[in-house]
C-alpha atoms as a PDB file:
ATOM      1  CA  LYS A   1      11.216  83.569 -18.650  1.00  0.00           C
ATOM      2  CA  THR A   2      11.555  80.267 -20.469  1.00  0.00           C
ATOM      3  CA  SER A   3       8.981  79.762 -23.179  1.00  0.00           C
ATOM      4  CA  SER A   4       8.201  76.890 -25.550  1.00  0.00           C
ATOM      5  CA  GLY A   5       5.666  76.110 -28.186  1.00  0.00           C
ATOM      6  CA  GLU A   6       4.934  75.234 -31.742  1.00  0.00           C
ATOM      7  CA  ARG A   7       4.573  77.623 -34.714  1.00  0.00           C
ATOM      8  CA  ASP A   8       4.694  77.845 -38.466  1.00  0.00           C
ATOM      9  CA  SER A   9       8.018  79.099 -39.895  1.00  0.00           C
ATOM     10  CA  THR A  10       7.612  81.283 -42.996  1.00  0.00           C
ATOM     11  CA  THR A  11      11.357  81.156 -43.558  1.00  0.00           C
ATOM     12  CA  LEU A  12      11.619  77.361 -43.552  1.00  0.00           C
ATOM     13  CA  GLY A  13       8.094  76.771 -44.791  1.00  0.00           C
ATOM     14  CA  LEU A  14       7.314  74.127 -42.183  1.00  0.00           C
ATOM     15  CA  ARG A  15       6.022  73.770 -38.666  1.00  0.00           C
ATOM     16  CA  ILE A  16       8.668  73.948 -35.951  1.00  0.00           C
ATOM     17  CA  LEU A  17       8.968  73.401 -32.251  1.00  0.00           C
ATOM     18  CA  TYR A  18      10.919  75.956 -30.267  1.00  0.00           C
ATOM     19  CA  VAL A  19      12.285  76.531 -26.785  1.00  0.00           C
ATOM     20  CA  SER A  20      13.506  79.978 -25.737  1.00  0.00           C
ATOM     21  CA  VAL A  21      15.681  80.461 -22.620  1.00  0.00           C
ATOM     22  CA  PRO A  22      16.652  83.974 -21.448  1.00  0.00           C
ATOM     23  CA  VAL A  23      20.318  84.898 -20.772  1.00  0.00           C
ATOM     24  CA  ILE A  24      20.539  86.907 -17.564  1.00  0.00           C
ATOM     25  CA  SER A  25      23.517  88.922 -16.289  1.00  0.00           C
ATOM     26  CA  GLY A  26      22.932  90.100 -12.748  1.00  0.00           C
ATOM     27  CA  ALA A  27      19.441  91.510 -12.635  1.00  0.00           C
ATOM     28  CA  LYS A  28      19.431  92.351 -16.319  1.00  0.00           C
ATOM     29  CA  THR A  29      18.370  90.174 -19.277  1.00  0.00           C
ATOM     30  CA  VAL A  30      21.016  90.578 -21.954  1.00  0.00           C
ATOM     31  CA  GLY A  31      19.732  88.063 -24.529  1.00  0.00           C
ATOM     32  CA  ALA A  32      18.017  84.742 -25.196  1.00  0.00           C
ATOM     33  CA  VAL A  33      18.921  81.286 -26.491  1.00  0.00           C
ATOM     34  CA  ARG A  34      16.404  79.735 -28.805  1.00  0.00           C
ATOM     35  CA  LEU A  35      16.333  76.115 -29.960  1.00  0.00           C
ATOM     36  CA  THR A  36      14.157  75.065 -32.856  1.00  0.00           C
ATOM     37  CA  LEU A  37      13.370  71.649 -34.298  1.00  0.00           C
ATOM     38  CA  PRO A  38      11.091  70.673 -37.161  1.00  0.00           C
ATOM     39  CA  ALA A  39       7.928  69.058 -35.782  1.00  0.00           C
ATOM     40  CA  SER A  40       8.177  66.316 -38.407  1.00  0.00           C
ATOM     41  CA  VAL A  41      11.466  65.085 -36.884  1.00  0.00           C
ATOM     42  CA  LEU A  42       9.872  64.718 -33.473  1.00  0.00           C
ATOM     43  CA  ASP A  43       6.813  63.035 -34.963  1.00  0.00           C
ATOM     44  CA  GLN A  44       9.075  60.598 -36.797  1.00  0.00           C
ATOM     45  CA  ARG A  45      10.962  59.695 -33.638  1.00  0.00           C
ATOM     46  CA  VAL A  46       7.722  59.271 -31.657  1.00  0.00           C
ATOM     47  CA  ASN A  47       6.312  57.059 -34.395  1.00  0.00           C
ATOM     48  CA  GLU A  48       9.498  54.975 -34.377  1.00  0.00           C
ATOM     49  CA  ARG A  49       9.182  54.553 -30.595  1.00  0.00           C
ATOM     50  CA  VAL A  50       5.535  53.593 -30.900  1.00  0.00           C
ATOM     51  CA  ARG A  51       6.340  51.046 -33.622  1.00  0.00           C
ATOM     52  CA  GLY A  52       9.096  49.581 -31.440  1.00  0.00           C
ATOM     53  CA  ILE A  53       6.725  49.302 -28.495  1.00  0.00           C
ATOM     54  CA  GLY A  54       4.120  47.701 -30.783  1.00  0.00           C
ATOM     55  CA  ILE A  55       6.636  45.130 -32.066  1.00  0.00           C
ATOM     56  CA  VAL A  56       7.732  44.275 -28.525  1.00  0.00           C
ATOM     57  CA  ALA A  57       4.086  44.005 -27.419  1.00  0.00           C
ATOM     58  CA  GLY A  58       3.285  41.739 -30.386  1.00  0.00           C
ATOM     59  CA  LEU A  59       6.270  39.472 -29.702  1.00  0.00           C
ATOM     60  CA  THR A  60       5.334  39.361 -26.031  1.00  0.00           C
ATOM     61  CA  LEU A  61       1.765  38.415 -26.935  1.00  0.00           C
ATOM     62  CA  LEU A  62       2.944  35.700 -29.315  1.00  0.00           C
ATOM     63  CA  GLY A  63       5.287  34.337 -26.648  1.00  0.00           C
ATOM     64  CA  ALA A  64       2.491  34.349 -24.073  1.00  0.00           C
ATOM     65  CA  VAL A  65       0.200  32.488 -26.487  1.00  0.00           C
ATOM     66  CA  ALA A  66       2.907  29.894 -27.180  1.00  0.00           C
ATOM     67  CA  VAL A  67       3.565  29.379 -23.461  1.00  0.00           C
ATOM     68  CA  ALA A  68      -0.179  29.134 -22.788  1.00  0.00           C
ATOM     69  CA  ILE A  69      -0.580  26.499 -25.515  1.00  0.00           C
ATOM     70  CA  LEU A  70       2.382  24.551 -24.129  1.00  0.00           C
ATOM     71  CA  LEU A  71       1.071  24.705 -20.563  1.00  0.00           C
ATOM     72  CA  ALA A  72      -2.439  23.801 -21.680  1.00  0.00           C
ATOM     73  CA  GLY A  73      -1.040  20.790 -23.516  1.00  0.00           C
ATOM     74  CA  THR A  74       0.909  19.586 -20.470  1.00  0.00           C
ATOM     75  CA  ILE A  75      -2.295  19.796 -18.409  1.00  0.00           C
ATOM     76  CA  THR A  76      -4.902  18.571 -20.881  1.00  0.00           C
ATOM     77  CA  ARG A  77      -2.905  15.581 -22.156  1.00  0.00           C
ATOM     78  CA  PRO A  78      -2.639  13.959 -18.692  1.00  0.00           C
ATOM     79  CA  LEU A  79      -6.263  14.835 -18.027  1.00  0.00           C
ATOM     80  CA  ARG A  80      -7.298  13.122 -21.267  1.00  0.00           C
ATOM     81  CA  ARG A  81      -5.310  10.035 -20.253  1.00  0.00           C
ATOM     82  CA  LEU A  82      -6.986  10.054 -16.846  1.00  0.00           C
ATOM     83  CA  GLN A  83     -10.349  10.456 -18.566  1.00  0.00           C
ATOM     84  CA  ARG A  84      -9.650   7.397 -20.738  1.00  0.00           C
ATOM     85  CA  THR A  85      -8.697   5.410 -17.654  1.00  0.00           C
ATOM     86  CA  THR A  86     -11.872   6.364 -15.815  1.00  0.00           C
ATOM     87  CA  ALA A  87     -13.897   5.465 -18.928  1.00  0.00           C
ATOM     88  CA  GLN A  88     -12.269   2.006 -18.948  1.00  0.00           C
ATOM     89  CA  LEU A  89     -13.087   1.538 -15.265  1.00  0.00           C
ATOM     90  CA  ALA A  90     -16.655   2.693 -15.846  1.00  0.00           C
ATOM     91  CA  SER A  91     -17.035   0.164 -18.674  1.00  0.00           C
ATOM     92  CA  GLY A  92     -16.034  -2.681 -16.341  1.00  0.00           C
ATOM     93  CA  ASP A  93     -12.316  -3.028 -17.083  1.00  0.00           C
ATOM     94  CA  LEU A  94     -11.075  -3.103 -13.481  1.00  0.00           C
ATOM     95  CA  SER A  95      -7.488  -3.746 -14.591  1.00  0.00           C
ATOM     96  CA  ALA A  96      -7.187  -0.230 -16.072  1.00  0.00           C
ATOM     97  CA  ARG A  97      -4.643   1.983 -14.339  1.00  0.00           C
ATOM     98  CA  ALA A  98      -3.368   5.497 -14.953  1.00  0.00           C
ATOM     99  CA  ALA A  99       0.173   5.724 -16.320  1.00  0.00           C
ATOM    100  CA  PRO A 100       2.718   7.687 -14.281  1.00  0.00           C
ATOM    101  CA  ILE A 101       2.276  11.417 -14.860  1.00  0.00           C
ATOM    102  CA  SER A 102       4.998  14.068 -14.850  1.00  0.00           C
ATOM    103  CA  GLY A 103       4.005  17.638 -14.277  1.00  0.00           C
ATOM    104  CA  ALA A 104       1.936  19.470 -11.724  1.00  0.00           C
ATOM    105  CA  PRO A 105       1.852  17.882  -8.244  1.00  0.00           C
ATOM    106  CA  GLU A 106      -1.953  18.051  -8.325  1.00  0.00           C
ATOM    107  CA  LEU A 107      -2.072  15.855 -11.445  1.00  0.00           C
ATOM    108  CA  LYS A 108       0.367  13.362  -9.913  1.00  0.00           C
ATOM    109  CA  SER A 109      -1.776  13.199  -6.784  1.00  0.00           C
ATOM    110  CA  LEU A 110      -4.934  12.763  -8.872  1.00  0.00           C
ATOM    111  CA  SER A 111      -3.326   9.903 -10.813  1.00  0.00           C
ATOM    112  CA  GLN A 112      -2.210   8.165  -7.627  1.00  0.00           C
ATOM    113  CA  ASP A 113      -5.632   8.590  -6.024  1.00  0.00           C
ATOM    114  CA  LEU A 114      -7.302   7.162  -9.133  1.00  0.00           C
ATOM    115  CA  ASN A 115      -5.046   4.097  -9.071  1.00  0.00           C
ATOM    116  CA  THR A 116      -5.640   3.649  -5.347  1.00  0.00           C
ATOM    117  CA  MET A 117      -9.384   3.778  -5.938  1.00  0.00           C
ATOM    118  CA  ALA A 118      -9.087   1.305  -8.831  1.00  0.00           C
ATOM    119  CA  ASN A 119      -7.033  -1.119  -6.716  1.00  0.00           C
ATOM    120  CA  ARG A 120      -9.546  -0.968  -3.892  1.00  0.00           C
ATOM    121  CA  LEU A 121     -12.469  -1.347  -6.286  1.00  0.00           C
ATOM    122  CA  GLU A 122     -10.874  -4.377  -7.919  1.00  0.00           C
ATOM    123  CA  ARG A 123     -10.219  -6.000  -4.531  1.00  0.00           C
ATOM    124  CA  LEU A 124     -13.772  -5.330  -3.378  1.00  0.00           C
ATOM    125  CA  VAL A 125     -15.311  -6.772  -6.539  1.00  0.00           C
ATOM    126  CA  GLU A 126     -13.050  -9.842  -6.392  1.00  0.00           C
ATOM    127  CA  ALA A 127     -13.895 -10.293  -2.704  1.00  0.00           C
ATOM    128  CA  GLN A 128     -17.614 -10.016  -3.417  1.00  0.00           C
ATOM    129  CA  GLN A 129     -17.383 -12.513  -6.274  1.00  0.00           C
ATOM    130  CA  SER A 130     -15.415 -14.909  -4.093  1.00  0.00           C
ATOM    131  CA  PHE A 131     -17.844 -14.322  -1.245  1.00  0.00           C
ATOM    132  CA  ALA A 132     -20.840 -15.129  -3.451  1.00  0.00           C
ATOM    133  CA  ALA A 133     -19.190 -18.268  -4.825  1.00  0.00           C
ATOM    134  CA  ASP A 134     -18.155 -19.515  -1.381  1.00  0.00           C
ATOM    135  CA  ALA A 135     -21.533 -18.703   0.148  1.00  0.00           C
ATOM    136  CA  SER A 136     -23.492 -20.466  -2.569  1.00  0.00           C
ATOM    137  CA  HIS A 137     -21.262 -23.538  -2.276  1.00  0.00           C
ATOM    138  CA  GLN A 138     -21.404 -23.603   1.514  1.00  0.00           C
ATOM    139  CA  LEU A 139     -25.164 -23.102   1.736  1.00  0.00           C
ATOM    140  CA  ARG A 140     -25.950 -25.731  -0.880  1.00  0.00           C
ATOM    141  CA  THR A 141     -25.141 -28.710   1.368  1.00  0.00           C
ATOM    142  CA  PRO A 142     -27.288 -27.844   4.425  1.00  0.00           C
ATOM    143  CA  LEU A 143     -30.154 -26.779   2.169  1.00  0.00           C
ATOM    144  CA  THR A 144     -29.986 -30.066   0.244  1.00  0.00           C
ATOM    145  CA  VAL A 145     -29.846 -32.107   3.447  1.00  0.00           C
ATOM    146  CA  LEU A 146     -32.692 -30.079   4.901  1.00  0.00           C
ATOM    147  CA  ARG A 147     -34.882 -30.657   1.848  1.00  0.00           C
ATOM    148  CA  LEU A 148     -34.144 -34.403   1.788  1.00  0.00           C
ATOM    149  CA  ARG A 149     -34.898 -34.823   5.482  1.00  0.00           C
ATOM    150  CA  LEU A 150     -38.147 -32.896   5.170  1.00  0.00           C
ATOM    151  CA  ASP A 151     -39.119 -35.100   2.217  1.00  0.00           C
ATOM    152  CA  GLU A 152     -38.336 -38.216   4.302  1.00  0.00           C
ATOM    153  CA  ALA A 153     -40.363 -36.875   7.207  1.00  0.00           C
ATOM    154  CA  ALA A 154     -43.290 -36.069   4.931  1.00  0.00           C
ATOM    155  CA  GLU A 155     -43.257 -39.606   3.502  1.00  0.00           C
ATOM    156  CA  ALA A 156     -42.917 -41.334   6.880  1.00  0.00           C
ATOM    157  CA  ILE A 157     -45.156 -39.158   9.031  1.00  0.00           C
ATOM    158  CA  GLU A 158     -48.184 -41.401   8.531  1.00  0.00           C
ATOM    159  CA  THR A 159     -46.559 -44.831   8.117  1.00  0.00           C
ATOM    160  CA  ASN A 160     -43.588 -44.578  10.517  1.00  0.00           C
ATOM    161  CA  PRO A 161     -43.751 -41.650  12.969  1.00  0.00           C
ATOM    162  CA  ASN A 162     -40.450 -42.639  14.602  1.00  0.00           C
ATOM    163  CA  ASP A 163     -38.552 -42.302  11.322  1.00  0.00           C
ATOM    164  CA  ALA A 164     -40.328 -39.041  10.679  1.00  0.00           C
ATOM    165  CA  GLU A 165     -39.257 -37.731  14.075  1.00  0.00           C
ATOM    166  CA  ALA A 166     -35.657 -38.755  13.431  1.00  0.00           C
ATOM    167  CA  ALA A 167     -35.707 -37.011  10.058  1.00  0.00           C
ATOM    168  CA  LEU A 168     -37.149 -33.876  11.644  1.00  0.00           C
ATOM    169  CA  ASP A 169     -34.397 -33.924  14.302  1.00  0.00           C
ATOM    170  CA  VAL A 170     -31.754 -33.988  11.553  1.00  0.00           C
ATOM    171  CA  ALA A 171     -33.626 -31.219   9.742  1.00  0.00           C
ATOM    172  CA  ARG A 172     -33.623 -29.098  12.903  1.00  0.00           C
ATOM    173  CA  THR A 173     -29.882 -29.668  13.283  1.00  0.00           C
ATOM    174  CA  GLU A 174     -29.253 -28.605   9.690  1.00  0.00           C
ATOM    175  CA  THR A 175     -31.498 -25.576  10.194  1.00  0.00           C
ATOM    176  CA  GLU A 176     -29.409 -24.483  13.172  1.00  0.00           C
ATOM    177  CA  ARG A 177     -26.224 -25.010  11.195  1.00  0.00           C
ATOM    178  CA  LEU A 178     -27.693 -22.976   8.349  1.00  0.00           C
ATOM    179  CA  GLN A 179     -28.550 -20.172  10.769  1.00  0.00           C
ATOM    180  CA  HIS A 180     -24.969 -20.123  12.074  1.00  0.00           C
ATOM    181  CA  VAL A 181     -23.567 -20.003   8.545  1.00  0.00           C
ATOM    182  CA  ILE A 182     -25.887 -17.172   7.533  1.00  0.00           C
ATOM    183  CA  ALA A 183     -25.074 -15.220  10.715  1.00  0.00           C
ATOM    184  CA  GLY A 184     -21.363 -15.663  10.003  1.00  0.00           C
ATOM    185  CA  LEU A 185     -21.805 -14.511   6.415  1.00  0.00           C
ATOM    186  CA  LEU A 186     -23.637 -11.404   7.588  1.00  0.00           C
ATOM    187  CA  ARG A 187     -20.883 -10.600  10.091  1.00  0.00           C
ATOM    188  CA  LEU A 188     -18.271 -11.108   7.392  1.00  0.00           C
ATOM    189  CA  ALA A 189     -20.158  -8.844   4.963  1.00  0.00           C
ATOM    190  CA  ARG A 190     -20.457  -6.121   7.597  1.00  0.00           C
ATOM    191  CA  THR A 191     -16.754  -6.440   8.338  1.00  0.00           C
ATOM    192  CA  GLU A 192     -15.814  -6.065   4.655  1.00  0.00           C
ATOM    193  CA  ALA A 193     -17.941  -2.935   4.363  1.00  0.00           C
ATOM    194  CA  MET A 194     -16.509  -1.417   7.531  1.00  0.00           C
ATOM    195  CA  GLU A 195     -15.120   2.111   7.150  1.00  0.00           C
ATOM    196  CA  MET A 196     -14.300   3.720  10.500  1.00  0.00           C
ATOM    197  CA  ASP A 197     -11.838   6.217  11.882  1.00  0.00           C
ATOM    198  CA  GLU A 198      -9.045   4.760  13.983  1.00  0.00           C
ATOM    199  CA  VAL A 199      -8.970   5.403  17.718  1.00  0.00           C
ATOM    200  CA  SER A 200      -6.408   4.807  20.453  1.00  0.00           C
ATOM    201  CA  ILE A 201      -6.987   1.847  22.752  1.00  0.00           C
ATOM    202  CA  ASP A 202      -5.064   0.219  25.597  1.00  0.00           C
ATOM    203  CA  LEU A 203      -4.430  -3.297  24.321  1.00  0.00           C
ATOM    204  CA  ASP A 204      -3.509  -4.501  27.795  1.00  0.00           C
ATOM    205  CA  SER A 205      -6.814  -3.300  29.258  1.00  0.00           C
ATOM    206  CA  VAL A 206      -8.846  -4.760  26.382  1.00  0.00           C
ATOM    207  CA  THR A 207      -7.069  -8.111  26.700  1.00  0.00           C
ATOM    208  CA  ARG A 208      -7.699  -8.383  30.444  1.00  0.00           C
ATOM    209  CA  GLU A 209     -11.353  -7.494  29.939  1.00  0.00           C
ATOM    210  CA  ARG A 210     -11.858 -10.195  27.276  1.00  0.00           C
ATOM    211  CA  VAL A 211     -10.010 -12.827  29.333  1.00  0.00           C
ATOM    212  CA  GLU A 212     -12.223 -12.072  32.313  1.00  0.00           C
ATOM    213  CA  MET A 213     -15.300 -12.461  30.101  1.00  0.00           C
ATOM    214  CA  TRP A 214     -14.163 -15.913  28.899  1.00  0.00           C
ATOM    215  CA  GLN A 215     -13.165 -17.200  32.346  1.00  0.00           C
ATOM    216  CA  PRO A 216     -16.520 -18.967  33.064  1.00  0.00           C
ATOM    217  CA  LEU A 217     -16.286 -21.023  29.850  1.00  0.00           C
ATOM    218  CA  ALA A 218     -12.629 -21.836  30.508  1.00  0.00           C
ATOM    219  CA  GLN A 219     -13.458 -23.025  34.028  1.00  0.00           C
ATOM    220  CA  GLU A 220     -16.333 -25.102  32.693  1.00  0.00           C
ATOM    221  CA  GLN A 221     -13.909 -26.794  30.255  1.00  0.00           C
ATOM    222  CA  ASN A 222     -11.317 -27.217  33.055  1.00  0.00           C
ATOM    223  CA  VAL A 223      -8.865 -24.983  31.150  1.00  0.00           C
ATOM    224  CA  SER A 224      -6.615 -22.433  32.854  1.00  0.00           C
ATOM    225  CA  LEU A 225      -6.942 -19.015  31.174  1.00  0.00           C
ATOM    226  CA  THR A 226      -4.363 -16.383  32.233  1.00  0.00           C
ATOM    227  CA  VAL A 227      -2.765 -13.124  31.048  1.00  0.00           C
ATOM    228  CA  ALA A 228       0.954 -12.329  30.829  1.00  0.00           C
ATOM    229  CA  SER A 229       1.435  -8.655  29.955  1.00  0.00           C
ATOM    230  CA  ASP A 230       4.295  -6.184  29.586  1.00  0.00           C
ATOM    231  CA  GLY A 231       1.977  -3.434  30.820  1.00  0.00           C
ATOM    232  CA  PRO A 232      -0.153  -0.766  29.111  1.00  0.00           C
ATOM    233  CA  ALA A 233       0.086  -0.804  25.306  1.00  0.00           C
ATOM    234  CA  ILE A 234      -1.570   2.109  23.518  1.00  0.00           C
ATOM    235  CA  VAL A 235      -2.290   1.202  19.879  1.00  0.00           C
ATOM    236  CA  THR A 236      -4.494   2.485  17.055  1.00  0.00           C
ATOM    237  CA  SER A 237      -7.412   0.431  15.796  1.00  0.00           C
ATOM    238  CA  ILE A 238     -10.968   0.806  14.583  1.00  0.00           C
ATOM    239  CA  PRO A 239     -13.530   0.522  17.402  1.00  0.00           C
ATOM    240  CA  GLY A 240     -14.353  -3.052  18.390  1.00  0.00           C
ATOM    241  CA  ALA A 241     -11.799  -4.788  16.165  1.00  0.00           C
ATOM    242  CA  ALA A 242      -9.375  -5.816  18.935  1.00  0.00           C
ATOM    243  CA  GLU A 243     -12.222  -7.172  21.070  1.00  0.00           C
ATOM    244  CA  GLN A 244     -13.674  -9.297  18.253  1.00  0.00           C
ATOM    245  CA  ILE A 245     -10.268 -10.638  17.202  1.00  0.00           C
ATOM    246  CA  LEU A 246      -9.435 -11.639  20.775  1.00  0.00           C
ATOM    247  CA  ASP A 247     -12.866 -13.225  21.248  1.00  0.00           C
ATOM    248  CA  ASN A 248     -12.318 -15.433  18.206  1.00  0.00           C
ATOM    249  CA  TYR A 249      -8.799 -16.383  19.258  1.00  0.00           C
ATOM    250  CA  ILE A 250      -9.733 -17.188  22.857  1.00  0.00           C
ATOM    251  CA  ASP A 251     -12.883 -19.087  21.853  1.00  0.00           C
ATOM    252  CA  ASN A 252     -10.873 -21.236  19.410  1.00  0.00           C
ATOM    253  CA  ALA A 253      -8.112 -21.815  21.956  1.00  0.00           C
ATOM    254  CA  ILE A 254     -10.543 -22.991  24.671  1.00  0.00           C
ATOM    255  CA  SER A 255     -12.466 -25.209  22.262  1.00  0.00           C
ATOM    256  CA  VAL A 256      -9.324 -27.164  21.216  1.00  0.00           C
ATOM    257  CA  SER A 257      -7.629 -27.281  24.634  1.00  0.00           C
ATOM    258  CA  PRO A 258      -7.814 -30.606  26.513  1.00  0.00           C
ATOM    259  CA  PRO A 259      -8.994 -30.581  30.146  1.00  0.00           C
ATOM    260  CA  GLY A 260      -6.242 -29.634  32.575  1.00  0.00           C
ATOM    261  CA  SER A 261      -4.302 -27.603  29.989  1.00  0.00           C
ATOM    262  CA  GLN A 262      -3.751 -23.873  29.928  1.00  0.00           C
ATOM    263  CA  VAL A 263      -4.324 -20.964  27.569  1.00  0.00           C
ATOM    264  CA  ILE A 264      -2.017 -17.990  28.072  1.00  0.00           C
ATOM    265  CA  VAL A 265      -2.697 -14.596  26.502  1.00  0.00           C
ATOM    266  CA  PHE A 266       0.497 -12.551  26.096  1.00  0.00           C
ATOM    267  CA  VAL A 267       0.608  -8.780  25.576  1.00  0.00           C
ATOM    268  CA  GLU A 268       4.051  -7.777  24.278  1.00  0.00           C
ATOM    269  CA  HIS A 269       5.775  -4.570  23.166  1.00  0.00           C
ATOM    270  CA  ASP A 270       7.787  -4.860  19.970  1.00  0.00           C
ATOM    271  CA  ASP A 271      10.138  -1.992  19.030  1.00  0.00           C
ATOM    272  CA  GLY A 272      10.723  -2.793  15.369  1.00  0.00           C
ATOM    273  CA  ALA A 273      13.185  -1.126  13.022  1.00  0.00           C
ATOM    274  CA  ASN A 274      10.516   0.981  11.300  1.00  0.00           C
ATOM    275  CA  ALA A 275       7.672   1.296  13.792  1.00  0.00           C
ATOM    276  CA  GLN A 276       6.627   0.418  17.308  1.00  0.00           C
ATOM    277  CA  CYS A 277       4.083  -2.354  17.637  1.00  0.00           C
ATOM    278  CA  ALA A 278       2.194  -4.180  20.327  1.00  0.00           C
ATOM    279  CA  THR A 279       1.411  -7.865  19.906  1.00  0.00           C
ATOM    280  CA  VAL A 280      -1.141 -10.166  21.519  1.00  0.00           C
ATOM    281  CA  ARG A 281      -0.507 -13.917  21.439  1.00  0.00           C
ATOM    282  CA  VAL A 282      -3.156 -16.457  22.442  1.00  0.00           C
ATOM    283  CA  ARG A 283      -1.231 -19.678  23.091  1.00  0.00           C
ATOM    284  CA  ASP A 284      -2.984 -23.004  23.670  1.00  0.00           C
ATOM    285  CA  GLU A 285      -1.874 -26.593  24.287  1.00  0.00           C
ATOM    286  CA  GLY A 286      -4.205 -28.170  21.751  1.00  0.00           C
ATOM    287  CA  PRO A 287      -3.347 -30.520  18.874  1.00  0.00           C
ATOM    288  CA  GLY A 288      -2.070 -27.672  16.711  1.00  0.00           C
ATOM    289  CA  LEU A 289      -2.078 -27.367  12.930  1.00  0.00           C
ATOM    290  CA  SER A 290       0.403 -28.088  10.163  1.00  0.00           C
ATOM    291  CA  ALA A 291       2.148 -25.254   8.337  1.00  0.00           C
ATOM    292  CA  VAL A 292      -0.235 -25.606   5.372  1.00  0.00           C
ATOM    293  CA  GLN A 293      -3.261 -25.653   7.670  1.00  0.00           C
ATOM    294  CA  ARG A 294      -2.070 -22.544   9.498  1.00  0.00           C
ATOM    295  CA  THR A 295      -1.755 -20.759   6.147  1.00  0.00           C
ATOM    296  CA  ARG A 296      -5.256 -21.766   5.033  1.00  0.00           C
ATOM    297  CA  ALA A 297      -6.918 -21.161   8.394  1.00  0.00           C
ATOM    298  CA  PHE A 298      -7.948 -17.601   7.486  1.00  0.00           C
ATOM    299  CA  ASP A 299      -9.722 -18.711   4.277  1.00  0.00           C
ATOM    300  CA  ARG A 300     -13.503 -18.571   4.258  1.00  0.00           C
ATOM    301  CA  PHE A 301     -15.252 -21.807   5.249  1.00  0.00           C
ATOM    302  CA  TRP A 302     -11.984 -23.639   5.861  1.00  0.00           C
ATOM    303  CA  GLN A 303     -12.269 -26.017   8.807  1.00  0.00           C
ATOM    304  CA  GLY A 304      -9.396 -27.809  10.439  1.00  0.00           C
ATOM    305  CA  ARG A 305     -11.503 -29.953  12.774  1.00  0.00           C
ATOM    306  CA  ALA A 306     -12.759 -33.339  11.650  1.00  0.00           C
ATOM    307  CA  ASP A 307     -15.984 -33.000  13.663  1.00  0.00           C
ATOM    308  CA  ASN A 308     -17.159 -30.217  11.268  1.00  0.00           C
ATOM    309  CA  ALA A 309     -17.885 -27.942  14.240  1.00  0.00           C
ATOM    310  CA  GLY A 310     -18.238 -24.249  13.531  1.00  0.00           C
ATOM    311  CA  THR A 311     -18.871 -22.431  10.268  1.00  0.00           C
ATOM    312  CA  GLY A 312     -15.302 -21.840   9.088  1.00  0.00           C
ATOM    313  CA  LEU A 313     -15.885 -18.078   9.122  1.00  0.00           C
ATOM    314  CA  GLY A 314     -14.408 -17.028  12.475  1.00  0.00           C
ATOM    315  CA  LEU A 315     -10.816 -16.552  11.342  1.00  0.00           C
ATOM    316  CA  ALA A 316     -11.964 -15.096   8.013  1.00  0.00           C
ATOM    317  CA  ILE A 317     -13.751 -12.414  10.034  1.00  0.00           C
ATOM    318  CA  VAL A 318     -10.573 -11.943  12.100  1.00  0.00           C
ATOM    319  CA  SER A 319      -8.575 -11.391   8.902  1.00  0.00           C
ATOM    320  CA  GLN A 320     -11.066  -8.816   7.605  1.00  0.00           C
ATOM    321  CA  LEU A 321     -11.121  -6.971  10.933  1.00  0.00           C
ATOM    322  CA  ALA A 322      -7.319  -6.891  10.994  1.00  0.00           C
ATOM    323  CA  ASP A 323      -7.178  -5.432   7.468  1.00  0.00           C
ATOM    324  CA  ALA A 324      -9.696  -2.744   8.420  1.00  0.00           C
ATOM    325  CA  ALA A 325      -7.749  -1.913  11.588  1.00  0.00           C
ATOM    326  CA  GLY A 326      -4.317  -1.893   9.947  1.00  0.00           C
ATOM    327  CA  ALA A 327      -3.233  -4.898  12.039  1.00  0.00           C
ATOM    328  CA  VAL A 328      -1.495  -8.140  11.068  1.00  0.00           C
ATOM    329  CA  VAL A 329      -2.745 -11.609  12.056  1.00  0.00           C
ATOM    330  CA  GLU A 330      -1.129 -15.011  11.713  1.00  0.00           C
ATOM    331  CA  LEU A 331      -1.050 -18.454  13.293  1.00  0.00           C
ATOM    332  CA  GLN A 332       2.284 -19.785  14.509  1.00  0.00           C
ATOM    333  CA  GLU A 333       3.306 -23.055  16.080  1.00  0.00           C
ATOM    334  CA  ALA A 334       3.500 -22.851  19.874  1.00  0.00           C
ATOM    335  CA  PRO A 335       6.449 -24.374  21.720  1.00  0.00           C
ATOM    336  CA  ASN A 336       4.181 -27.133  23.063  1.00  0.00           C
ATOM    337  CA  ARG A 337       2.777 -28.073  19.615  1.00  0.00           C
ATOM    338  CA  GLY A 338      -0.302 -25.957  20.132  1.00  0.00           C
ATOM    339  CA  ILE A 339      -1.185 -22.745  18.323  1.00  0.00           C
ATOM    340  CA  ASP A 340       0.166 -19.238  18.846  1.00  0.00           C
ATOM    341  CA  ALA A 341      -2.603 -17.011  17.458  1.00  0.00           C
ATOM    342  CA  VAL A 342      -0.965 -13.618  16.864  1.00  0.00           C
ATOM    343  CA  VAL A 343      -2.352 -10.140  16.196  1.00  0.00           C
ATOM    344  CA  ARG A 344      -0.013  -7.163  15.885  1.00  0.00           C
ATOM    345  CA  PHE A 345      -1.159  -3.529  16.146  1.00  0.00           C
ATOM    346  CA  HIS A 346       0.808  -0.351  15.447  1.00  0.00           C
ATOM    347  CA  GLU A 347       1.323   2.013  18.368  1.00  0.00           C
END
């Protein structure tokens, strides 16, 4: 039977480890082989192994700490830069932008989202400042005229009632004009604040519906209003945008068309190089506009008619609706010198 253990050796004067293995011949044990080893040798080798493991563990720990510090630096440095950018934006510096970041995809995405937010915020603030400046300028004239006419009426009401009545008539006219301007400003403000999910619409169906709605006015003005369509055109838009854009286009086209002329609304499919689009063109036979006028027509309060009719906000609202819907609007010259009012939606 094999035996092993540890004992004190009186011969060697130290503690030894031993292993004894019997030597068997047939069924008879004829001897034994014994191996001995000083316990101190084994302890030394175990201690050496433990020290080696400790050194490796220490180096591994140091390496892990170094890698952790490096990774933490690559994460915290971009975050500190983003924090500085957000602090600049919060302090009112709307031109602040995050520098391009290399590293984790999440940090790159965060940087891009921050810049997108900053761009949108800057545009909104600039639009609001422009809106306030334009509104104050545009409202000043009717308010001044209204005050002057009311003063004239107050002075003449006892001495010359006829003059007072005439002044009050002008005041009523300016009041109505002021109401139209304010209503247009409110519509424009609502349009700028519009945030809606896009939906699918049939541009052909919407166009035919709006043309049918405007037929009575066209007939009253002795203007032919027709549709020329390539068929169903499914596009994406925010709810109501296509209808309001077409209403503005058709209303403008009828108002400038001479009696006996025609307004044709085209619905066309356009397979572009990068994307499929559907386009609506509202073509009239009116006096048209110059290239500069067509460019300025979408500015707030711009008016191309000498009679000062309208508020100058209709096409500005069209432009805002198109931006919100991801569409493109423009005015082109029609073949007959009139206007081709264009809106292009993505399918």
